[in-house]
Protein backbone atom coordinates (compact mmCIF):
# COMPACT_ATOMS: atom_id res chain seq x y z
CA UNK A 1 -155.30 24.21 102.28
CA UNK A 2 -152.53 25.36 100.10
CA UNK A 3 -151.72 24.38 96.76
CA UNK A 4 -148.60 25.07 95.27
CA UNK A 5 -148.43 25.31 91.24
CA UNK A 6 -145.47 26.21 88.99
CA UNK A 7 -146.05 28.59 86.16
CA UNK A 8 -143.48 26.86 84.07
CA UNK A 9 -143.42 23.80 82.56
CA UNK A 10 -140.20 21.41 82.17
CA UNK A 11 -140.02 20.55 78.20
CA UNK A 12 -137.43 17.41 77.63
CA UNK A 13 -136.91 17.76 73.79
CA UNK A 14 -134.10 15.80 72.75
CA UNK A 15 -133.61 17.69 69.67
CA UNK A 16 -132.65 20.70 71.99
CA UNK A 17 -130.63 18.64 74.11
CA UNK A 18 -128.63 17.11 71.26
CA UNK A 19 -128.01 20.59 69.68
CA UNK A 20 -126.71 22.13 72.99
CA UNK A 21 -124.25 19.16 73.06
CA UNK A 22 -123.20 20.26 69.51
CA UNK A 23 -122.88 23.58 70.48
CA UNK A 24 -119.77 22.95 72.55
CA UNK A 25 -117.73 19.69 72.03
CA UNK A 26 -119.28 16.76 73.13
CA UNK A 27 -120.55 15.34 69.62
CA UNK A 28 -121.24 15.96 66.38
CA UNK A 29 -123.19 12.76 65.55
CA UNK A 30 -125.28 12.47 62.03
CA UNK A 31 -127.62 9.79 64.13
CA UNK A 32 -128.47 12.73 66.66
CA UNK A 33 -129.69 15.30 64.45
CA UNK A 34 -133.36 15.44 65.61
CA UNK A 35 -135.93 15.76 64.29
CA UNK A 36 -135.71 12.76 62.16
CA UNK A 37 -138.03 11.62 59.34
CA UNK A 38 -139.13 7.93 58.98
CA UNK A 39 -141.16 7.06 55.85
CA UNK A 40 -143.23 4.91 58.20
CA UNK A 41 -144.08 8.27 60.48
CA UNK A 42 -145.81 10.52 57.89
CA UNK A 43 -146.28 12.96 60.43
CA UNK A 44 -142.33 13.38 60.91
CA UNK A 45 -141.90 14.98 57.63
CA UNK A 46 -143.29 18.20 58.38
CA UNK A 47 -140.94 18.66 61.62
CA UNK A 48 -138.11 17.68 59.69
CA UNK A 49 -138.74 19.65 56.65
CA UNK A 50 -139.21 22.76 58.54
CA UNK A 51 -135.62 22.05 60.39
CA UNK A 52 -133.03 20.41 57.97
CA UNK A 53 -134.55 21.14 54.34
CA UNK A 54 -133.79 25.04 55.44
CA UNK A 55 -130.38 24.31 56.26
CA UNK A 56 -129.17 21.29 53.99
CA UNK A 57 -125.63 21.89 54.81
CA UNK A 58 -125.55 22.18 58.29
CA UNK A 59 -125.33 18.69 58.78
CA UNK A 60 -122.15 18.30 56.61
CA UNK A 61 -119.94 20.52 58.28
CA UNK A 62 -118.76 19.73 62.15
CA UNK A 63 -119.14 23.45 63.57
CA UNK A 64 -118.65 22.60 67.36
CA UNK A 65 -116.15 25.62 68.66
CA UNK A 66 -114.42 23.21 70.76
CA UNK A 67 -113.60 20.10 68.54
CA UNK A 68 -109.80 19.52 67.76
CA UNK A 69 -109.39 22.11 65.14
CA UNK A 70 -112.65 24.60 66.53
CA UNK A 71 -112.26 28.08 66.81
CA UNK A 72 -112.63 28.18 70.55
CA UNK A 73 -110.17 25.56 70.81
CA UNK A 74 -107.54 27.55 68.85
CA UNK A 75 -108.43 30.62 71.06
CA UNK A 76 -108.08 28.73 73.75
CA UNK A 77 -104.33 27.31 72.59
CA UNK A 78 -103.27 30.75 71.34
CA UNK A 79 -104.27 32.22 74.78
CA UNK A 80 -102.40 29.09 76.59
CA UNK A 81 -99.06 29.90 74.07
CA UNK A 82 -99.13 33.36 74.68
CA UNK A 83 -99.50 33.05 78.66
CA UNK A 84 -96.38 30.41 78.42
CA UNK A 85 -94.88 33.25 76.45
CA UNK A 86 -95.99 36.15 78.81
CA UNK A 87 -94.75 33.95 81.86
CA UNK A 88 -91.32 33.76 79.85
CA UNK A 89 -90.91 37.25 79.76
CA UNK A 90 -91.53 38.06 82.80
CA UNK A 91 -89.26 35.34 84.23
CA UNK A 92 -86.70 37.10 82.04
CA UNK A 93 -87.84 40.58 83.26
CA UNK A 94 -87.64 39.39 86.96
CA UNK A 95 -84.04 38.13 86.20
CA UNK A 96 -82.97 41.88 85.02
CA UNK A 97 -84.97 43.05 87.85
CA UNK A 98 -82.61 41.01 90.36
CA UNK A 99 -79.63 41.43 88.27
CA UNK A 100 -80.20 45.33 88.40
CA UNK A 101 -80.92 45.69 91.90
CA UNK A 102 -77.91 43.28 92.71
CA UNK A 103 -75.53 45.71 90.60
CA UNK A 104 -77.05 48.81 92.45
CA UNK A 105 -75.96 47.37 95.58
CA UNK A 106 -73.06 46.42 94.76
CA UNK A 107 -71.85 49.49 93.44
CA UNK A 108 -73.83 51.95 94.77
CA UNK A 109 -72.60 54.17 97.48
CA UNK A 110 -76.77 54.83 98.50
CA UNK A 111 -76.44 51.32 100.64
CA UNK A 112 -72.89 51.04 101.10
CA UNK A 113 -73.91 51.98 105.22
CA UNK A 114 -75.65 48.83 105.20
CA UNK A 115 -72.54 46.59 104.08
CA UNK A 116 -72.51 43.69 106.87
CA UNK A 117 -68.68 43.78 107.21
CA UNK A 118 -68.59 47.78 106.75
CA UNK A 119 -70.94 47.66 109.69
CA UNK A 120 -69.62 44.96 112.11
CA UNK A 121 -65.99 45.81 111.59
CA UNK A 122 -64.39 48.86 109.38
CA UNK A 123 -67.28 51.53 111.11
CA UNK A 124 -65.76 50.43 114.43
CA UNK A 125 -61.71 50.31 113.47
CA UNK A 126 -62.27 53.88 111.66
CA UNK A 127 -64.34 55.68 114.30
CA UNK A 128 -61.81 57.89 115.48
CA UNK A 129 -61.55 59.62 112.55
CA UNK A 130 -64.98 60.73 113.24
CA UNK A 131 -63.17 62.79 116.16
CA UNK A 132 -59.76 63.58 114.80
CA UNK A 133 -59.19 66.72 117.62
CA UNK A 134 -60.96 65.02 120.39
CA UNK A 135 -58.88 61.47 120.43
CA UNK A 136 -55.79 63.58 119.98
CA UNK A 137 -54.47 63.85 123.39
CA UNK A 138 -56.55 61.52 125.39
CA UNK A 139 -55.00 61.45 128.87
CA UNK A 140 -52.14 63.52 127.64
CA UNK A 141 -50.41 66.05 130.41
CA UNK A 142 -51.19 69.68 129.72
CA UNK A 143 -47.37 70.17 129.19
CA UNK A 144 -46.88 67.55 126.51
CA UNK A 145 -49.94 69.45 124.65
CA UNK A 146 -48.07 72.37 124.70
CA UNK A 147 -44.91 71.15 123.52
CA UNK A 148 -46.74 68.76 120.49
CA UNK A 149 -48.69 72.31 119.72
CA UNK A 150 -45.52 74.39 119.63
CA UNK A 151 -43.33 71.75 118.12
CA UNK A 152 -45.54 71.57 115.29
CA UNK A 153 -45.78 67.94 115.43
CA UNK A 154 -49.90 68.50 116.13
CA UNK A 155 -50.24 69.96 112.80
CA UNK A 156 -48.24 66.99 111.13
CA UNK A 157 -51.11 65.09 113.06
CA UNK A 158 -53.99 67.06 111.87
CA UNK A 159 -52.91 67.03 108.62
CA UNK A 160 -52.38 63.23 108.17
CA UNK A 161 -55.60 62.10 109.72
CA UNK A 162 -57.67 64.80 107.71
CA UNK A 163 -56.01 63.25 104.62
CA UNK A 164 -56.99 59.51 105.86
CA UNK A 165 -60.57 61.15 106.80
CA UNK A 166 -60.75 62.55 103.32
CA UNK A 167 -60.21 59.17 101.92
CA UNK A 168 -62.75 57.40 104.13
CA UNK A 169 -65.61 59.92 103.19
CA UNK A 170 -64.61 59.15 99.47
CA UNK A 171 -64.52 55.39 100.14
CA UNK A 172 -68.27 55.71 101.56
CA UNK A 173 -69.70 58.20 98.89
CA UNK A 174 -67.92 56.69 95.51
CA UNK A 175 -69.74 54.13 93.47
CA UNK A 176 -67.33 51.34 93.28
CA UNK A 177 -67.64 47.67 93.44
CA UNK A 178 -68.43 46.28 96.71
CA UNK A 179 -64.92 44.06 96.74
CA UNK A 180 -63.17 47.62 95.95
CA UNK A 181 -64.80 49.45 98.44
CA UNK A 182 -64.00 47.22 101.38
CA UNK A 183 -60.37 47.06 100.14
CA UNK A 184 -60.49 51.05 100.30
CA UNK A 185 -61.55 50.87 103.96
CA UNK A 186 -59.17 47.99 105.09
CA UNK A 187 -56.01 50.15 103.00
CA UNK A 188 -57.17 52.92 105.64
CA UNK A 189 -57.33 50.82 108.28
CA UNK A 190 -54.14 50.16 108.27
CA UNK A 191 -52.62 53.40 107.43
CA UNK A 192 -54.61 54.73 110.47
CA UNK A 193 -53.19 52.13 113.07
CA UNK A 194 -49.68 52.92 111.74
CA UNK A 195 -50.47 56.43 112.35
CA UNK A 196 -51.79 56.10 115.33
CA UNK A 197 -49.16 54.06 116.69
CA UNK A 198 -46.68 56.51 115.59
CA UNK A 199 -48.75 59.59 117.23
CA UNK A 200 -48.73 57.82 120.56
CA UNK A 201 -44.91 57.26 120.48
CA UNK A 202 -44.42 60.73 119.74
CA UNK A 203 -46.53 61.55 122.91
CA UNK A 204 -44.14 59.24 124.74
CA UNK A 205 -41.18 60.07 124.05
CA UNK A 206 -42.52 64.31 124.10
CA UNK A 207 -43.50 62.93 127.60
CA UNK A 208 -40.25 61.43 128.42
CA UNK A 209 -38.13 64.00 127.26
CA UNK A 210 -39.94 66.98 129.23
CA UNK A 211 -39.37 64.49 132.37
CA UNK A 212 -36.22 64.52 131.77
CA UNK A 213 -35.60 68.45 131.54
CA UNK A 214 -37.41 69.06 134.69
CA UNK A 215 -35.13 66.58 136.03
CA UNK A 216 -32.05 68.74 135.01
CA UNK A 217 -33.63 71.90 136.10
CA UNK A 218 -34.47 70.99 139.30
CA UNK A 219 -30.56 69.23 139.84
CA UNK A 220 -29.18 72.81 138.67
CA UNK A 221 -31.60 74.56 141.02
CA UNK A 222 -31.17 72.37 144.15
CA UNK A 223 -27.42 70.51 144.51
CA UNK A 224 -28.39 68.44 147.14
CA UNK A 225 -31.05 66.70 144.66
CA UNK A 226 -28.88 63.17 143.37
CA UNK A 227 -30.51 61.95 140.27
CA UNK A 228 -29.23 59.32 137.86
CA UNK A 229 -26.03 59.34 136.30
CA UNK A 230 -25.56 62.59 134.18
CA UNK A 231 -23.72 60.88 131.12
CA UNK A 232 -26.29 57.82 131.54
CA UNK A 233 -29.05 60.66 131.47
CA UNK A 234 -27.52 62.37 128.35
CA UNK A 235 -27.44 59.35 126.13
CA UNK A 236 -31.12 58.46 127.19
CA UNK A 237 -31.66 62.05 125.94
CA UNK A 238 -29.71 61.39 122.75
CA UNK A 239 -31.72 58.40 122.18
CA UNK A 240 -35.01 60.05 122.69
CA UNK A 241 -34.21 62.61 119.94
CA UNK A 242 -33.05 60.37 117.70
CA UNK A 243 -36.15 58.23 117.86
CA UNK A 244 -37.89 61.24 117.19
CA UNK A 245 -35.94 62.50 114.10
CA UNK A 246 -36.98 58.83 112.57
CA UNK A 247 -40.38 59.14 113.09
CA UNK A 248 -40.90 62.96 111.65
């Protein structure tokens, strides 16, 4: 047979309970200061005297830390106010941080390559500037290439294209406003298109002129070959040369 026993005994002391309530916020009621003395209970005087006569002023002042103006209530209110202030400054600092990041991404060349408009449009439009020499004579006959090199037109093309390339690299590396950077891209793109059209026109004119010179040479070498009216051909050559001078 097993018998369960407890080593402690629960004490239900009303005075202790009321004192615990006074130690927080619940009550500071004069009727709940135990032990009490009653004249019809002579034996209550000893407990009353040993408790309250040693602390005569204890009951006169509400000492609850969580009362309306209590010390702990004031600390909690101050902590709440400090938290509100901290949240306000945190919000302000977050705003400054976000503004700084926005300004950094707007001005810095470090992240200019990630601009959506640049990636989707201008990078593709200006891609030929990355290989100026390789794109100069695409699908152009060898005799035209030689003529353009000897006439100095190729050097002119390289000079103009490299100038655009320098401006393009500067637009990508300088710290400026995003709108200003986009305008720089756009101006370079327009000038690049115009220069590319001029270069293609020069190549076409040079090809036509060399073709005509070959026909005249063949005519002199072989009198039996009939070609177009020489006067009309001469006029055509003169037109080609005049257009070439205007483009230079």
